[in-house]
Amino acid sequence: HQFIPNFCKQLLGKIKPNAIAISLIKGFDKAEGGGIDLISHIITRHLKIPCAV
């Protein structure tokens, strides 16, 4: 899951703003402030588009 932020940075600006992401990755990662962060939420945050699982 560590590749997600870097991969999203490569896609940012190349995706239409009305696009919807679909992730086949189920799971979560450690959140920066503690706790967990769903992979779909990480994708949404980085790409600034909704992400479904």
N, C-alpha and C. Protein backbone atom coordinates (compact mmCIF):
# COMPACT_ATOMS: atom_id res chain seq x y z
N HIS A 1 0.80 -1.21 0.00
CA HIS A 1 0.00 0.00 0.00
C HIS A 1 0.84 1.27 0.00
N GLN A 2 2.12 1.11 0.21
CA GLN A 2 2.99 2.28 0.30
C GLN A 2 3.17 2.98 -1.04
N PHE A 3 2.86 2.30 -2.13
CA PHE A 3 3.03 2.90 -3.46
C PHE A 3 1.89 3.85 -3.83
N ILE A 4 0.79 3.80 -3.12
CA ILE A 4 -0.41 4.56 -3.48
C ILE A 4 -0.15 6.08 -3.56
N PRO A 5 0.42 6.72 -2.54
CA PRO A 5 0.61 8.18 -2.64
C PRO A 5 1.47 8.60 -3.83
N ASN A 6 2.56 7.90 -4.09
CA ASN A 6 3.43 8.25 -5.22
C ASN A 6 2.72 8.00 -6.55
N PHE A 7 1.97 6.92 -6.64
CA PHE A 7 1.23 6.62 -7.86
C PHE A 7 0.17 7.69 -8.11
N CYS A 8 -0.51 8.12 -7.06
CA CYS A 8 -1.53 9.16 -7.20
C CYS A 8 -0.91 10.48 -7.65
N LYS A 9 0.29 10.79 -7.15
CA LYS A 9 0.97 12.02 -7.57
C LYS A 9 1.25 12.01 -9.07
N GLN A 10 1.56 10.84 -9.62
CA GLN A 10 1.81 10.73 -11.05
C GLN A 10 0.53 10.96 -11.86
N LEU A 11 -0.61 10.57 -11.30
CA LEU A 11 -1.89 10.70 -12.00
C LEU A 11 -2.53 12.09 -11.85
N LEU A 12 -2.18 12.78 -10.78
CA LEU A 12 -2.79 14.08 -10.50
C LEU A 12 -2.53 15.05 -11.65
N GLY A 13 -3.59 15.68 -12.11
CA GLY A 13 -3.50 16.60 -13.24
C GLY A 13 -3.74 15.93 -14.58
N LYS A 14 -3.80 14.61 -14.60
CA LYS A 14 -4.04 13.87 -15.84
C LYS A 14 -5.42 13.24 -15.86
N ILE A 15 -6.18 13.48 -14.79
CA ILE A 15 -7.51 12.89 -14.64
C ILE A 15 -8.54 14.01 -14.66
N LYS A 16 -9.64 13.78 -15.37
CA LYS A 16 -10.71 14.77 -15.40
C LYS A 16 -11.27 14.95 -13.99
N PRO A 17 -11.65 16.18 -13.63
CA PRO A 17 -12.15 16.44 -12.27
C PRO A 17 -13.46 15.72 -11.96
N ASN A 18 -14.21 15.30 -12.98
CA ASN A 18 -15.47 14.59 -12.73
C ASN A 18 -15.30 13.07 -12.80
N ALA A 19 -14.05 12.59 -12.83
CA ALA A 19 -13.79 11.14 -12.86
C ALA A 19 -14.09 10.53 -11.49
N ILE A 20 -14.30 9.23 -11.50
CA ILE A 20 -14.50 8.46 -10.27
C ILE A 20 -13.47 7.34 -10.26
N ALA A 21 -12.74 7.20 -9.16
CA ALA A 21 -11.74 6.14 -9.03
C ALA A 21 -12.41 4.88 -8.49
N ILE A 22 -11.93 3.74 -8.93
CA ILE A 22 -12.38 2.45 -8.40
C ILE A 22 -11.13 1.70 -7.95
N SER A 23 -11.07 1.35 -6.69
CA SER A 23 -9.91 0.66 -6.14
C SER A 23 -10.23 -0.82 -5.94
N LEU A 24 -9.31 -1.66 -6.34
CA LEU A 24 -9.43 -3.09 -6.08
C LEU A 24 -8.60 -3.48 -4.86
N ILE A 25 -8.08 -2.48 -4.17
CA ILE A 25 -7.28 -2.72 -2.97
C ILE A 25 -8.17 -2.53 -1.75
N LYS A 26 -8.43 -3.61 -1.04
CA LYS A 26 -9.16 -3.52 0.21
C LYS A 26 -8.14 -3.37 1.33
N GLY A 27 -8.47 -2.60 2.30
CA GLY A 27 -7.57 -2.51 3.44
C GLY A 27 -7.35 -1.10 3.91
N PHE A 28 -6.33 -0.98 4.75
CA PHE A 28 -6.04 0.30 5.37
C PHE A 28 -4.55 0.44 5.60
N ASP A 29 -4.16 1.66 5.96
CA ASP A 29 -2.77 1.98 6.26
C ASP A 29 -2.78 2.78 7.55
N LYS A 30 -1.63 2.92 8.18
CA LYS A 30 -1.53 3.73 9.38
C LYS A 30 -1.71 5.20 9.02
N ALA A 31 -2.55 5.87 9.77
CA ALA A 31 -2.75 7.30 9.56
C ALA A 31 -1.59 8.07 10.20
N GLU A 32 -1.28 9.24 9.67
CA GLU A 32 -0.16 10.02 10.19
C GLU A 32 -0.32 10.39 11.65
N GLY A 33 -1.50 10.75 12.08
CA GLY A 33 -1.73 11.15 13.46
C GLY A 33 -2.09 10.00 14.38
N GLY A 34 -1.97 8.77 13.89
CA GLY A 34 -2.37 7.60 14.64
C GLY A 34 -3.69 7.08 14.11
N GLY A 35 -4.01 5.87 14.40
CA GLY A 35 -5.23 5.26 13.90
C GLY A 35 -5.01 4.66 12.52
N ILE A 36 -6.11 4.50 11.79
CA ILE A 36 -6.04 3.89 10.46
C ILE A 36 -6.67 4.80 9.41
N ASP A 37 -6.29 4.56 8.18
CA ASP A 37 -6.82 5.33 7.05
C ASP A 37 -7.14 4.33 5.94
N LEU A 38 -8.37 4.29 5.47
CA LEU A 38 -8.74 3.38 4.40
C LEU A 38 -8.01 3.76 3.12
N ILE A 39 -7.61 2.75 2.34
CA ILE A 39 -6.91 2.99 1.09
C ILE A 39 -7.75 3.86 0.15
N SER A 40 -9.05 3.60 0.11
CA SER A 40 -9.92 4.40 -0.76
C SER A 40 -9.93 5.87 -0.33
N HIS A 41 -9.81 6.13 0.96
CA HIS A 41 -9.77 7.51 1.44
C HIS A 41 -8.45 8.18 1.07
N ILE A 42 -7.37 7.41 1.09
CA ILE A 42 -6.06 7.93 0.69
C ILE A 42 -6.11 8.34 -0.78
N ILE A 43 -6.70 7.49 -1.61
CA ILE A 43 -6.82 7.77 -3.04
C ILE A 43 -7.68 9.02 -3.26
N THR A 44 -8.81 9.10 -2.58
CA THR A 44 -9.69 10.27 -2.69
C THR A 44 -8.95 11.55 -2.31
N ARG A 45 -8.23 11.49 -1.22
CA ARG A 45 -7.51 12.68 -0.73
C ARG A 45 -6.43 13.13 -1.73
N HIS A 46 -5.69 12.19 -2.28
CA HIS A 46 -4.59 12.55 -3.18
C HIS A 46 -5.08 12.97 -4.58
N LEU A 47 -6.09 12.29 -5.11
CA LEU A 47 -6.55 12.58 -6.47
C LEU A 47 -7.66 13.63 -6.51
N LYS A 48 -8.24 13.92 -5.34
CA LYS A 48 -9.32 14.91 -5.25
C LYS A 48 -10.54 14.51 -6.07
N ILE A 49 -10.79 13.20 -6.13
CA ILE A 49 -11.99 12.65 -6.77
C ILE A 49 -12.52 11.54 -5.87
N PRO A 50 -13.81 11.19 -5.97
CA PRO A 50 -14.35 10.10 -5.17
C PRO A 50 -13.73 8.76 -5.56
N CYS A 51 -13.61 7.87 -4.59
CA CYS A 51 -13.06 6.54 -4.85
C CYS A 51 -13.98 5.49 -4.23
N ALA A 52 -14.37 4.51 -5.04
CA ALA A 52 -15.20 3.40 -4.57
C ALA A 52 -14.33 2.15 -4.47
N VAL A 53 -14.79 1.21 -3.65
CA VAL A 53 -14.07 -0.06 -3.48
C VAL A 53 -14.91 -1.16 -4.07
